[in-house]
N, C-alpha and C. Protein backbone atom coordinates (compact mmCIF):
# COMPACT_ATOMS: atom_id res chain seq x y z
N MET A 1 47.21 -71.35 93.90
CA MET A 1 47.04 -71.92 95.22
C MET A 1 45.58 -71.87 95.66
N ALA A 2 44.88 -70.77 95.36
CA ALA A 2 43.48 -70.65 95.76
C ALA A 2 42.64 -71.73 95.08
N GLU A 3 42.92 -71.97 93.78
CA GLU A 3 42.14 -72.98 93.07
C GLU A 3 42.39 -74.36 93.64
N SER A 4 43.65 -74.70 93.95
CA SER A 4 43.95 -76.02 94.49
C SER A 4 43.34 -76.17 95.87
N GLY A 5 43.32 -75.09 96.67
CA GLY A 5 42.69 -75.14 97.98
C GLY A 5 41.20 -75.35 97.87
N ASN A 6 40.57 -74.64 96.95
CA ASN A 6 39.14 -74.82 96.73
C ASN A 6 38.82 -76.23 96.27
N GLU A 7 39.68 -76.76 95.40
CA GLU A 7 39.48 -78.12 94.91
C GLU A 7 39.60 -79.13 96.05
N ALA A 8 40.54 -78.91 96.97
CA ALA A 8 40.71 -79.81 98.11
C ALA A 8 39.48 -79.80 99.00
N VAL A 9 38.96 -78.61 99.27
CA VAL A 9 37.75 -78.49 100.09
C VAL A 9 36.57 -79.17 99.41
N ARG A 10 36.45 -78.97 98.10
CA ARG A 10 35.36 -79.59 97.35
C ARG A 10 35.47 -81.12 97.40
N ALA A 11 36.69 -81.63 97.23
CA ALA A 11 36.89 -83.08 97.27
C ALA A 11 36.56 -83.65 98.64
N ALA A 12 36.95 -82.93 99.69
CA ALA A 12 36.65 -83.39 101.05
C ALA A 12 35.15 -83.42 101.29
N ALA A 13 34.44 -82.42 100.80
CA ALA A 13 32.98 -82.38 100.97
C ALA A 13 32.31 -83.53 100.22
N GLU A 14 32.79 -83.82 99.02
CA GLU A 14 32.24 -84.93 98.25
C GLU A 14 32.48 -86.25 98.95
N ARG A 15 33.68 -86.41 99.51
CA ARG A 15 34.01 -87.64 100.23
C ARG A 15 33.12 -87.79 101.47
N ALA A 16 32.86 -86.68 102.16
CA ALA A 16 32.04 -86.72 103.37
C ALA A 16 30.64 -87.21 103.06
N GLU A 17 30.10 -86.86 101.88
CA GLU A 17 28.77 -87.34 101.51
C GLU A 17 28.75 -88.87 101.40
N GLU A 18 29.87 -89.46 101.01
CA GLU A 18 29.93 -90.91 100.85
C GLU A 18 30.23 -91.62 102.17
N THR A 19 30.94 -90.97 103.08
CA THR A 19 31.40 -91.66 104.30
C THR A 19 30.56 -91.38 105.52
N ARG A 20 29.73 -90.34 105.50
CA ARG A 20 29.03 -89.89 106.70
C ARG A 20 28.05 -90.92 107.24
N ALA A 21 27.55 -91.82 106.39
CA ALA A 21 26.59 -92.83 106.84
C ALA A 21 27.24 -94.16 107.19
N ARG A 22 28.57 -94.23 107.10
CA ARG A 22 29.26 -95.49 107.38
C ARG A 22 29.94 -95.44 108.74
N ASN A 23 30.05 -96.61 109.37
CA ASN A 23 30.65 -96.69 110.69
C ASN A 23 31.35 -98.03 110.84
N VAL A 24 31.87 -98.29 112.03
CA VAL A 24 32.53 -99.55 112.31
C VAL A 24 31.47 -100.66 112.37
N PRO A 25 31.59 -101.72 111.56
CA PRO A 25 30.62 -102.82 111.67
C PRO A 25 30.72 -103.48 113.05
N GLN A 26 29.57 -103.74 113.67
CA GLN A 26 29.58 -104.36 115.00
C GLN A 26 28.20 -104.89 115.34
N PHE A 27 28.16 -105.78 116.35
CA PHE A 27 26.88 -106.23 116.86
C PHE A 27 26.22 -105.09 117.62
N ASP A 28 24.92 -105.04 117.61
CA ASP A 28 24.21 -103.95 118.26
C ASP A 28 23.51 -104.38 119.55
N ASP A 29 23.88 -105.55 120.10
CA ASP A 29 23.20 -106.04 121.29
C ASP A 29 24.07 -106.03 122.55
N LEU A 30 25.19 -105.29 122.52
CA LEU A 30 26.00 -105.15 123.72
C LEU A 30 25.25 -104.30 124.75
N PRO A 31 25.40 -104.63 126.06
CA PRO A 31 24.72 -103.82 127.09
C PRO A 31 25.47 -102.54 127.44
N ILE A 32 26.56 -102.26 126.72
CA ILE A 32 27.37 -101.07 126.94
C ILE A 32 27.59 -100.39 125.59
N PRO A 33 27.99 -99.12 125.58
CA PRO A 33 28.19 -98.44 124.29
C PRO A 33 29.23 -99.14 123.42
N GLY A 34 28.93 -99.28 122.13
CA GLY A 34 29.90 -99.85 121.20
C GLY A 34 30.86 -98.80 120.71
N ASP A 35 31.89 -99.22 120.00
CA ASP A 35 32.84 -98.28 119.40
C ASP A 35 32.19 -97.56 118.23
N THR A 36 32.53 -96.30 118.05
CA THR A 36 32.08 -95.57 116.89
C THR A 36 33.25 -94.81 116.27
N ALA A 37 33.36 -94.90 114.97
CA ALA A 37 34.35 -94.12 114.22
C ALA A 37 33.65 -93.01 113.46
N ASN A 38 32.40 -92.76 113.80
CA ASN A 38 31.58 -91.75 113.15
C ASN A 38 31.06 -90.81 114.24
N LEU A 39 31.51 -89.57 114.23
CA LEU A 39 31.15 -88.62 115.29
C LEU A 39 29.68 -88.24 115.26
N ARG A 40 28.95 -88.63 114.20
CA ARG A 40 27.51 -88.36 114.11
C ARG A 40 26.70 -89.43 114.82
N GLU A 41 27.34 -90.52 115.25
CA GLU A 41 26.64 -91.66 115.83
C GLU A 41 27.28 -92.06 117.15
N GLY A 42 26.49 -92.73 117.98
CA GLY A 42 27.03 -93.30 119.21
C GLY A 42 27.24 -92.26 120.30
N PRO A 43 28.03 -92.63 121.31
CA PRO A 43 28.26 -91.72 122.43
C PRO A 43 29.02 -90.47 122.00
N SER A 44 28.87 -89.41 122.79
CA SER A 44 29.62 -88.18 122.52
C SER A 44 31.10 -88.40 122.79
N LEU A 45 31.93 -87.73 122.01
CA LEU A 45 33.38 -87.81 122.22
C LEU A 45 33.73 -87.17 123.56
N HIS A 46 34.53 -87.85 124.35
CA HIS A 46 34.98 -87.31 125.64
C HIS A 46 35.81 -86.06 125.41
N ASP A 47 35.63 -85.07 126.28
CA ASP A 47 36.37 -83.81 126.11
C ASP A 47 37.87 -84.01 126.06
N ALA A 48 38.38 -85.02 126.77
CA ALA A 48 39.82 -85.26 126.79
C ALA A 48 40.37 -85.63 125.42
N CYS A 49 39.48 -86.10 124.53
CA CYS A 49 39.92 -86.57 123.21
C CYS A 49 39.74 -85.53 122.10
N LEU A 50 39.31 -84.33 122.46
CA LEU A 50 39.02 -83.33 121.43
C LEU A 50 40.23 -83.00 120.57
N ALA A 51 41.43 -83.02 121.17
CA ALA A 51 42.64 -82.72 120.39
C ALA A 51 42.95 -83.81 119.36
N LEU A 52 42.32 -84.98 119.50
CA LEU A 52 42.53 -86.09 118.57
C LEU A 52 41.35 -86.28 117.63
N LEU A 53 40.36 -85.42 117.72
CA LEU A 53 39.12 -85.57 116.96
C LEU A 53 39.35 -85.79 115.46
N PRO A 54 40.27 -85.07 114.79
CA PRO A 54 40.42 -85.28 113.34
C PRO A 54 40.86 -86.69 112.95
N LEU A 55 41.43 -87.44 113.90
CA LEU A 55 41.90 -88.79 113.59
C LEU A 55 40.78 -89.81 113.51
N ILE A 56 39.64 -89.51 114.13
CA ILE A 56 38.59 -90.51 114.27
C ILE A 56 37.95 -90.80 112.92
N GLY A 57 37.89 -92.09 112.58
CA GLY A 57 37.31 -92.52 111.31
C GLY A 57 37.88 -93.87 110.92
N VAL A 58 37.45 -94.36 109.79
CA VAL A 58 38.06 -95.54 109.17
C VAL A 58 38.75 -95.05 107.91
N TRP A 59 40.03 -95.36 107.80
CA TRP A 59 40.89 -94.82 106.73
C TRP A 59 41.48 -95.97 105.93
N ARG A 60 41.58 -95.78 104.62
CA ARG A 60 42.14 -96.84 103.77
C ARG A 60 42.93 -96.20 102.63
N GLY A 61 44.08 -96.79 102.33
CA GLY A 61 44.91 -96.27 101.25
C GLY A 61 46.13 -97.12 101.03
N GLU A 62 47.18 -96.51 100.48
CA GLU A 62 48.40 -97.23 100.14
C GLU A 62 49.63 -96.51 100.67
N GLY A 63 50.71 -97.27 100.79
CA GLY A 63 51.97 -96.71 101.25
C GLY A 63 53.15 -97.54 100.78
N GLN A 64 54.29 -97.24 101.36
CA GLN A 64 55.54 -97.90 100.98
C GLN A 64 56.32 -98.27 102.23
N VAL A 65 56.93 -99.45 102.21
CA VAL A 65 57.79 -99.89 103.31
C VAL A 65 59.17 -100.18 102.74
N ASP A 66 60.20 -99.73 103.46
CA ASP A 66 61.57 -99.95 103.03
C ASP A 66 62.48 -99.92 104.26
N TYR A 67 63.61 -100.59 104.16
CA TYR A 67 64.57 -100.60 105.27
C TYR A 67 65.85 -101.27 104.76
N PRO A 68 67.00 -100.92 105.30
CA PRO A 68 68.25 -101.51 104.79
C PRO A 68 68.30 -103.04 104.91
N THR A 69 67.53 -103.61 105.81
CA THR A 69 67.59 -105.06 106.03
C THR A 69 66.59 -105.85 105.19
N ILE A 70 65.79 -105.15 104.36
CA ILE A 70 64.85 -105.86 103.50
C ILE A 70 65.13 -105.52 102.04
N ASP A 71 64.65 -106.38 101.15
CA ASP A 71 64.86 -106.18 99.72
C ASP A 71 63.71 -105.36 99.16
N GLY A 72 63.62 -104.09 99.61
CA GLY A 72 62.50 -103.23 99.22
C GLY A 72 62.94 -102.18 98.21
N PRO A 73 62.12 -101.16 98.01
CA PRO A 73 60.87 -100.93 98.76
C PRO A 73 59.73 -101.81 98.28
N TYR A 74 58.75 -102.00 99.20
CA TYR A 74 57.54 -102.73 98.88
C TYR A 74 56.34 -101.80 98.96
N ARG A 75 55.36 -102.09 98.14
CA ARG A 75 54.11 -101.34 98.14
C ARG A 75 53.10 -102.10 99.01
N PHE A 76 52.33 -101.36 99.81
CA PHE A 76 51.32 -102.02 100.63
C PHE A 76 50.04 -101.19 100.67
N ALA A 77 48.94 -101.83 101.03
CA ALA A 77 47.67 -101.15 101.29
C ALA A 77 47.35 -101.35 102.76
N GLN A 78 46.50 -100.48 103.29
CA GLN A 78 46.27 -100.48 104.73
C GLN A 78 44.89 -99.93 105.06
N GLN A 79 44.32 -100.46 106.12
CA GLN A 79 43.12 -99.88 106.71
C GLN A 79 43.40 -99.58 108.17
N VAL A 80 43.13 -98.36 108.59
CA VAL A 80 43.31 -97.94 109.98
C VAL A 80 41.95 -97.49 110.52
N THR A 81 41.57 -98.05 111.65
CA THR A 81 40.35 -97.65 112.34
C THR A 81 40.71 -96.96 113.64
N ILE A 82 40.22 -95.75 113.84
CA ILE A 82 40.40 -95.03 115.09
C ILE A 82 39.00 -94.65 115.58
N ALA A 83 38.61 -95.22 116.71
CA ALA A 83 37.24 -95.11 117.19
C ALA A 83 37.23 -94.80 118.68
N HIS A 84 36.02 -94.60 119.23
CA HIS A 84 35.91 -94.32 120.66
C HIS A 84 34.59 -94.87 121.19
N ASP A 85 34.46 -94.97 122.52
CA ASP A 85 33.21 -95.41 123.13
C ASP A 85 32.70 -94.42 124.16
N GLY A 86 33.17 -93.17 124.05
CA GLY A 86 32.72 -92.12 124.96
C GLY A 86 33.62 -91.90 126.15
N ARG A 87 34.60 -92.78 126.35
CA ARG A 87 35.53 -92.62 127.45
C ARG A 87 36.79 -91.89 126.98
N PRO A 88 37.71 -91.52 127.89
CA PRO A 88 38.84 -90.64 127.52
C PRO A 88 40.01 -91.36 126.86
N PHE A 89 39.71 -92.15 125.83
CA PHE A 89 40.76 -92.80 125.04
C PHE A 89 40.17 -93.16 123.69
N LEU A 90 41.04 -93.45 122.72
CA LEU A 90 40.62 -93.89 121.39
C LEU A 90 41.15 -95.29 121.13
N TYR A 91 40.35 -96.09 120.45
CA TYR A 91 40.75 -97.43 120.01
C TYR A 91 41.44 -97.33 118.66
N HIS A 92 42.52 -98.09 118.48
CA HIS A 92 43.32 -98.05 117.25
C HIS A 92 43.48 -99.47 116.72
N GLU A 93 43.18 -99.66 115.45
CA GLU A 93 43.43 -100.94 114.80
C GLU A 93 43.94 -100.71 113.40
N SER A 94 44.97 -101.44 113.01
CA SER A 94 45.53 -101.32 111.66
C SER A 94 45.73 -102.70 111.06
N ARG A 95 45.31 -102.85 109.81
CA ARG A 95 45.55 -104.07 109.04
C ARG A 95 46.15 -103.66 107.71
N SER A 96 47.16 -104.38 107.24
CA SER A 96 47.79 -104.05 105.97
C SER A 96 48.05 -105.31 105.16
N TRP A 97 48.28 -105.11 103.85
CA TRP A 97 48.54 -106.23 102.96
C TRP A 97 49.47 -105.76 101.86
N LEU A 98 50.39 -106.64 101.47
CA LEU A 98 51.36 -106.31 100.43
C LEU A 98 50.73 -106.36 99.05
N LEU A 99 51.18 -105.47 98.17
CA LEU A 99 50.69 -105.41 96.80
C LEU A 99 51.82 -105.61 95.81
N ASP A 100 51.49 -106.15 94.64
CA ASP A 100 52.49 -106.21 93.58
C ASP A 100 52.45 -104.91 92.78
N ASP A 101 53.25 -104.83 91.73
CA ASP A 101 53.34 -103.59 90.95
C ASP A 101 52.04 -103.21 90.27
N ASP A 102 51.15 -104.20 90.06
CA ASP A 102 49.87 -103.94 89.42
C ASP A 102 48.74 -103.70 90.41
N GLY A 103 49.07 -103.68 91.70
CA GLY A 103 48.06 -103.44 92.72
C GLY A 103 47.33 -104.68 93.19
N ASN A 104 47.79 -105.85 92.78
CA ASN A 104 47.16 -107.10 93.22
C ASN A 104 47.68 -107.49 94.61
N VAL A 105 46.83 -108.11 95.40
CA VAL A 105 47.22 -108.52 96.75
C VAL A 105 48.17 -109.71 96.69
N ILE A 106 49.32 -109.57 97.36
CA ILE A 106 50.27 -110.68 97.47
C ILE A 106 49.94 -111.53 98.68
N ARG A 107 49.80 -110.87 99.84
CA ARG A 107 49.49 -111.58 101.10
C ARG A 107 49.20 -110.56 102.19
N PRO A 108 48.54 -111.03 103.28
CA PRO A 108 48.36 -110.15 104.44
C PRO A 108 49.72 -109.76 105.02
N ALA A 109 49.79 -108.57 105.61
CA ALA A 109 51.04 -108.08 106.19
C ALA A 109 50.79 -107.67 107.65
N ALA A 110 51.39 -106.57 108.09
CA ALA A 110 51.40 -106.21 109.50
C ALA A 110 50.01 -105.91 110.05
N ARG A 111 49.84 -106.24 111.34
CA ARG A 111 48.65 -105.86 112.09
C ARG A 111 49.08 -105.25 113.41
N GLU A 112 48.29 -104.30 113.90
CA GLU A 112 48.55 -103.71 115.21
C GLU A 112 47.24 -103.26 115.81
N THR A 113 47.19 -103.27 117.13
CA THR A 113 46.01 -102.79 117.83
C THR A 113 46.45 -102.08 119.10
N GLY A 114 45.66 -101.10 119.55
CA GLY A 114 46.09 -100.39 120.74
C GLY A 114 45.16 -99.25 121.11
N TRP A 115 45.74 -98.28 121.82
CA TRP A 115 44.94 -97.22 122.43
C TRP A 115 45.69 -95.89 122.42
N TRP A 116 44.99 -94.83 122.02
CA TRP A 116 45.46 -93.46 122.18
C TRP A 116 44.91 -92.94 123.50
N ARG A 117 45.78 -92.46 124.40
CA ARG A 117 45.38 -92.02 125.73
C ARG A 117 45.85 -90.58 125.98
N PRO A 118 45.03 -89.58 125.65
CA PRO A 118 45.42 -88.19 125.91
C PRO A 118 45.45 -87.91 127.41
N GLN A 119 46.40 -87.07 127.82
CA GLN A 119 46.60 -86.77 129.24
C GLN A 119 46.29 -85.30 129.54
N ALA A 120 46.12 -85.02 130.83
CA ALA A 120 45.72 -83.67 131.25
C ALA A 120 46.75 -82.61 130.90
N ASP A 121 48.03 -83.00 130.76
CA ASP A 121 49.08 -82.03 130.43
C ASP A 121 49.26 -81.87 128.91
N ASP A 122 48.30 -82.38 128.15
CA ASP A 122 48.28 -82.32 126.68
C ASP A 122 49.25 -83.30 126.02
N SER A 123 49.90 -84.15 126.80
CA SER A 123 50.70 -85.20 126.20
C SER A 123 49.79 -86.34 125.77
N ILE A 124 50.32 -87.22 124.94
CA ILE A 124 49.55 -88.35 124.42
C ILE A 124 50.34 -89.64 124.65
N GLU A 125 49.68 -90.63 125.18
CA GLU A 125 50.24 -91.98 125.27
C GLU A 125 49.61 -92.81 124.15
N LEU A 126 50.42 -93.58 123.45
CA LEU A 126 49.92 -94.50 122.43
C LEU A 126 50.51 -95.87 122.72
N LEU A 127 49.65 -96.83 123.04
CA LEU A 127 50.07 -98.19 123.32
C LEU A 127 49.71 -99.06 122.13
N LEU A 128 50.69 -99.79 121.58
CA LEU A 128 50.45 -100.62 120.41
C LEU A 128 50.99 -102.03 120.62
N ALA A 129 50.19 -103.02 120.25
CA ALA A 129 50.62 -104.42 120.25
C ALA A 129 50.60 -104.91 118.80
N HIS A 130 51.69 -105.52 118.38
CA HIS A 130 51.85 -105.98 117.00
C HIS A 130 51.77 -107.50 116.93
N ASN A 131 51.27 -108.02 115.81
CA ASN A 131 51.19 -109.47 115.62
C ASN A 131 52.56 -110.12 115.57
N THR A 132 53.60 -109.33 115.41
CA THR A 132 54.96 -109.85 115.31
C THR A 132 55.63 -110.05 116.67
N GLY A 133 54.89 -109.80 117.77
CA GLY A 133 55.45 -110.02 119.10
C GLY A 133 56.08 -108.78 119.71
N ILE A 134 55.76 -107.61 119.18
CA ILE A 134 56.31 -106.35 119.68
C ILE A 134 55.22 -105.58 120.43
N LEU A 135 55.58 -105.03 121.58
CA LEU A 135 54.72 -104.13 122.34
C LEU A 135 55.44 -102.79 122.46
N GLU A 136 54.76 -101.70 122.09
CA GLU A 136 55.40 -100.38 122.09
C GLU A 136 54.59 -99.38 122.91
N LEU A 137 55.28 -98.56 123.67
CA LEU A 137 54.67 -97.45 124.39
C LEU A 137 55.27 -96.16 123.84
N PHE A 138 54.41 -95.37 123.15
CA PHE A 138 54.81 -94.09 122.59
C PHE A 138 54.34 -92.97 123.51
N TYR A 139 55.12 -91.89 123.57
CA TYR A 139 54.69 -90.63 124.16
C TYR A 139 54.85 -89.55 123.12
N GLY A 140 53.94 -88.59 123.14
CA GLY A 140 54.05 -87.50 122.18
C GLY A 140 53.08 -86.40 122.48
N LYS A 141 52.85 -85.55 121.47
CA LYS A 141 51.93 -84.43 121.65
C LYS A 141 51.50 -83.94 120.28
N ALA A 142 50.47 -83.11 120.29
CA ALA A 142 50.03 -82.48 119.05
C ALA A 142 51.04 -81.41 118.64
N ARG A 143 51.42 -81.41 117.35
CA ARG A 143 52.27 -80.34 116.81
C ARG A 143 51.42 -79.17 116.36
N THR A 144 50.27 -79.47 115.78
CA THR A 144 49.29 -78.47 115.36
C THR A 144 47.93 -79.07 115.67
N GLN A 145 46.87 -78.43 115.22
CA GLN A 145 45.52 -78.97 115.43
C GLN A 145 45.26 -80.21 114.59
N THR A 146 46.11 -80.46 113.59
CA THR A 146 45.90 -81.60 112.70
C THR A 146 47.16 -82.44 112.48
N SER A 147 48.11 -82.37 113.40
CA SER A 147 49.30 -83.23 113.29
C SER A 147 49.78 -83.62 114.69
N TRP A 148 50.35 -84.84 114.78
CA TRP A 148 50.73 -85.41 116.06
C TRP A 148 52.04 -86.17 115.88
N GLU A 149 52.98 -85.96 116.81
CA GLU A 149 54.29 -86.61 116.74
C GLU A 149 54.51 -87.41 118.02
N LEU A 150 54.95 -88.67 117.86
CA LEU A 150 55.15 -89.55 119.01
C LEU A 150 56.42 -90.37 118.83
N GLY A 151 57.07 -90.70 119.95
CA GLY A 151 58.25 -91.54 119.93
C GLY A 151 58.17 -92.57 121.04
N THR A 152 58.84 -93.70 120.88
CA THR A 152 58.76 -94.76 121.87
C THR A 152 59.54 -94.40 123.14
N ASP A 153 58.92 -94.73 124.25
CA ASP A 153 59.58 -94.66 125.55
C ASP A 153 60.03 -96.05 125.99
N ALA A 154 59.31 -97.07 125.50
CA ALA A 154 59.63 -98.46 125.83
C ALA A 154 59.20 -99.37 124.70
N VAL A 155 60.00 -100.39 124.44
CA VAL A 155 59.68 -101.44 123.48
C VAL A 155 59.94 -102.78 124.16
N VAL A 156 58.93 -103.65 124.16
CA VAL A 156 59.05 -104.98 124.75
C VAL A 156 58.87 -106.00 123.63
N ARG A 157 59.71 -107.04 123.63
CA ARG A 157 59.67 -108.03 122.56
C ARG A 157 59.56 -109.44 123.14
N THR A 158 58.83 -110.30 122.43
CA THR A 158 58.87 -111.72 122.76
C THR A 158 60.20 -112.29 122.27
N VAL A 159 60.52 -113.50 122.69
CA VAL A 159 61.81 -114.10 122.30
C VAL A 159 61.87 -114.38 120.81
N SER A 160 60.71 -114.50 120.15
CA SER A 160 60.71 -114.80 118.71
C SER A 160 60.58 -113.56 117.84
N ALA A 161 60.48 -112.37 118.46
CA ALA A 161 60.26 -111.14 117.70
C ALA A 161 61.56 -110.56 117.16
N LYS A 162 61.43 -109.69 116.16
CA LYS A 162 62.60 -108.98 115.64
C LYS A 162 63.18 -108.05 116.69
N ASP A 163 64.43 -107.72 116.52
CA ASP A 163 65.15 -106.87 117.47
C ASP A 163 64.82 -105.40 117.21
N VAL A 164 63.63 -104.98 117.63
CA VAL A 164 63.20 -103.59 117.50
C VAL A 164 63.56 -102.85 118.79
N THR A 165 64.20 -101.69 118.67
CA THR A 165 64.62 -100.95 119.86
C THR A 165 63.97 -99.58 119.99
N GLY A 166 63.34 -99.08 118.93
CA GLY A 166 62.71 -97.77 119.02
C GLY A 166 61.95 -97.42 117.76
N ALA A 167 61.04 -96.46 117.88
CA ALA A 167 60.26 -96.02 116.72
C ALA A 167 59.77 -94.59 116.96
N LYS A 168 59.45 -93.93 115.88
CA LYS A 168 58.91 -92.57 115.92
C LYS A 168 57.84 -92.47 114.84
N ARG A 169 56.72 -91.82 115.15
CA ARG A 169 55.64 -91.66 114.18
C ARG A 169 55.18 -90.21 114.13
N LEU A 170 54.82 -89.79 112.91
CA LEU A 170 54.23 -88.49 112.67
C LEU A 170 52.96 -88.71 111.87
N TYR A 171 51.82 -88.33 112.45
CA TYR A 171 50.52 -88.41 111.79
C TYR A 171 50.06 -87.00 111.45
N GLY A 172 49.32 -86.85 110.35
CA GLY A 172 48.78 -85.54 110.02
C GLY A 172 47.65 -85.63 109.01
N ILE A 173 46.71 -84.70 109.13
CA ILE A 173 45.67 -84.56 108.11
C ILE A 173 46.24 -83.65 107.03
N VAL A 174 46.37 -84.18 105.83
CA VAL A 174 47.04 -83.46 104.75
C VAL A 174 45.99 -82.72 103.91
N PRO A 175 46.41 -81.78 103.03
CA PRO A 175 45.45 -81.07 102.18
C PRO A 175 44.55 -82.05 101.42
N GLY A 176 43.27 -81.77 101.43
CA GLY A 176 42.30 -82.67 100.83
C GLY A 176 41.60 -83.53 101.85
N GLY A 177 42.12 -83.55 103.11
CA GLY A 177 41.46 -84.27 104.17
C GLY A 177 41.93 -85.69 104.40
N ASP A 178 42.95 -86.15 103.67
CA ASP A 178 43.47 -87.49 103.88
C ASP A 178 44.33 -87.56 105.14
N LEU A 179 44.53 -88.77 105.63
CA LEU A 179 45.42 -89.02 106.77
C LEU A 179 46.75 -89.53 106.24
N GLY A 180 47.82 -88.81 106.53
CA GLY A 180 49.15 -89.25 106.14
C GLY A 180 49.99 -89.56 107.37
N TYR A 181 50.92 -90.48 107.24
CA TYR A 181 51.83 -90.73 108.35
C TYR A 181 53.17 -91.23 107.82
N VAL A 182 54.19 -91.02 108.62
CA VAL A 182 55.51 -91.60 108.37
C VAL A 182 55.99 -92.23 109.68
N GLU A 183 56.68 -93.34 109.54
CA GLU A 183 57.24 -94.00 110.72
C GLU A 183 58.73 -94.24 110.51
N GLU A 184 59.51 -93.91 111.52
CA GLU A 184 60.91 -94.28 111.57
C GLU A 184 61.06 -95.42 112.57
N ARG A 185 62.04 -96.29 112.33
CA ARG A 185 62.19 -97.45 113.20
C ARG A 185 63.67 -97.79 113.35
N ALA A 186 64.04 -98.19 114.56
CA ALA A 186 65.38 -98.71 114.83
C ALA A 186 65.24 -100.20 115.12
N MET A 187 65.88 -101.02 114.29
CA MET A 187 65.77 -102.47 114.49
C MET A 187 66.91 -103.18 113.76
N ALA A 188 67.09 -104.43 114.14
CA ALA A 188 68.11 -105.28 113.51
C ALA A 188 69.48 -104.60 113.48
N GLY A 189 69.82 -103.87 114.55
CA GLY A 189 71.12 -103.22 114.63
C GLY A 189 71.24 -101.92 113.87
N GLN A 190 70.16 -101.47 113.24
CA GLN A 190 70.16 -100.23 112.46
C GLN A 190 69.70 -99.06 113.32
N PRO A 191 70.22 -97.85 113.07
CA PRO A 191 69.75 -96.67 113.80
C PRO A 191 68.35 -96.26 113.34
N LEU A 192 67.71 -95.38 114.10
CA LEU A 192 66.38 -94.87 113.76
C LEU A 192 66.41 -94.23 112.38
N GLN A 193 65.51 -94.68 111.49
CA GLN A 193 65.47 -94.19 110.11
C GLN A 193 64.13 -94.52 109.48
N PRO A 194 63.77 -93.88 108.36
CA PRO A 194 62.46 -94.12 107.75
C PRO A 194 62.21 -95.59 107.46
N HIS A 195 60.96 -96.00 107.73
CA HIS A 195 60.57 -97.40 107.54
C HIS A 195 59.30 -97.51 106.70
N THR A 196 58.21 -96.86 107.12
CA THR A 196 56.96 -96.90 106.37
C THR A 196 56.35 -95.51 106.25
N SER A 197 55.55 -95.33 105.22
CA SER A 197 54.77 -94.11 105.04
C SER A 197 53.54 -94.47 104.24
N ALA A 198 52.46 -93.72 104.45
CA ALA A 198 51.22 -94.00 103.72
C ALA A 198 50.34 -92.77 103.69
N ARG A 199 49.43 -92.77 102.73
CA ARG A 199 48.38 -91.75 102.64
C ARG A 199 47.05 -92.49 102.54
N LEU A 200 46.15 -92.19 103.47
CA LEU A 200 44.90 -92.93 103.61
C LEU A 200 43.71 -92.00 103.44
N GLN A 201 42.70 -92.50 102.74
CA GLN A 201 41.46 -91.74 102.54
C GLN A 201 40.41 -92.21 103.54
N ARG A 202 39.57 -91.28 103.99
CA ARG A 202 38.50 -91.63 104.91
C ARG A 202 37.43 -92.44 104.13
N ILE A 203 37.07 -93.61 104.66
CA ILE A 203 36.01 -94.40 104.05
C ILE A 203 34.79 -94.51 104.94
N ALA A 204 34.90 -94.10 106.21
CA ALA A 204 33.76 -94.08 107.12
C ALA A 204 34.01 -93.02 108.17
N GLY A 205 32.91 -92.38 108.58
CA GLY A 205 33.01 -91.37 109.64
C GLY A 205 32.83 -89.96 109.14
């Protein structure tokens, strides 16, 4: 165990050397602070967001999606950006794409954008808008210093969207410094159950 722990720390340090100089690409002529996913650059992180500090960065990796109503499981790749502009919230953006068995891109897949909003009572609000016509409001809290659990309080759908009624997410920094998450989802008449999971490596921040 000691050797594997040392190896994880060593790998994280090596990765940090590659990612520490990278940030969210953006124009530099805004008259207000831009978003930063790199805590070494830009405005200071607001104190209200300190409990979410380990999440900040640009993350990329692979995962799996499955559900009783689809002919899965399917393999996908994903990039998640979690950034801030010095105010008491974090910006969230996710883009994913389906892969074949050889790792080749089949097509673009799910997208979502939103905001992490930590509250004074240590609860967390997460607002997400999906390209599929779904709007979700999650509430949750930190389980540990490096893991966060959230569940939907409300789901709003457009008339053309799938019948999603609820979701639950668990995010965590896993050994080695990667970001892992699992999502459960209730939709298409099915009860809440596993839907997607992924492990993402930090590529910036």
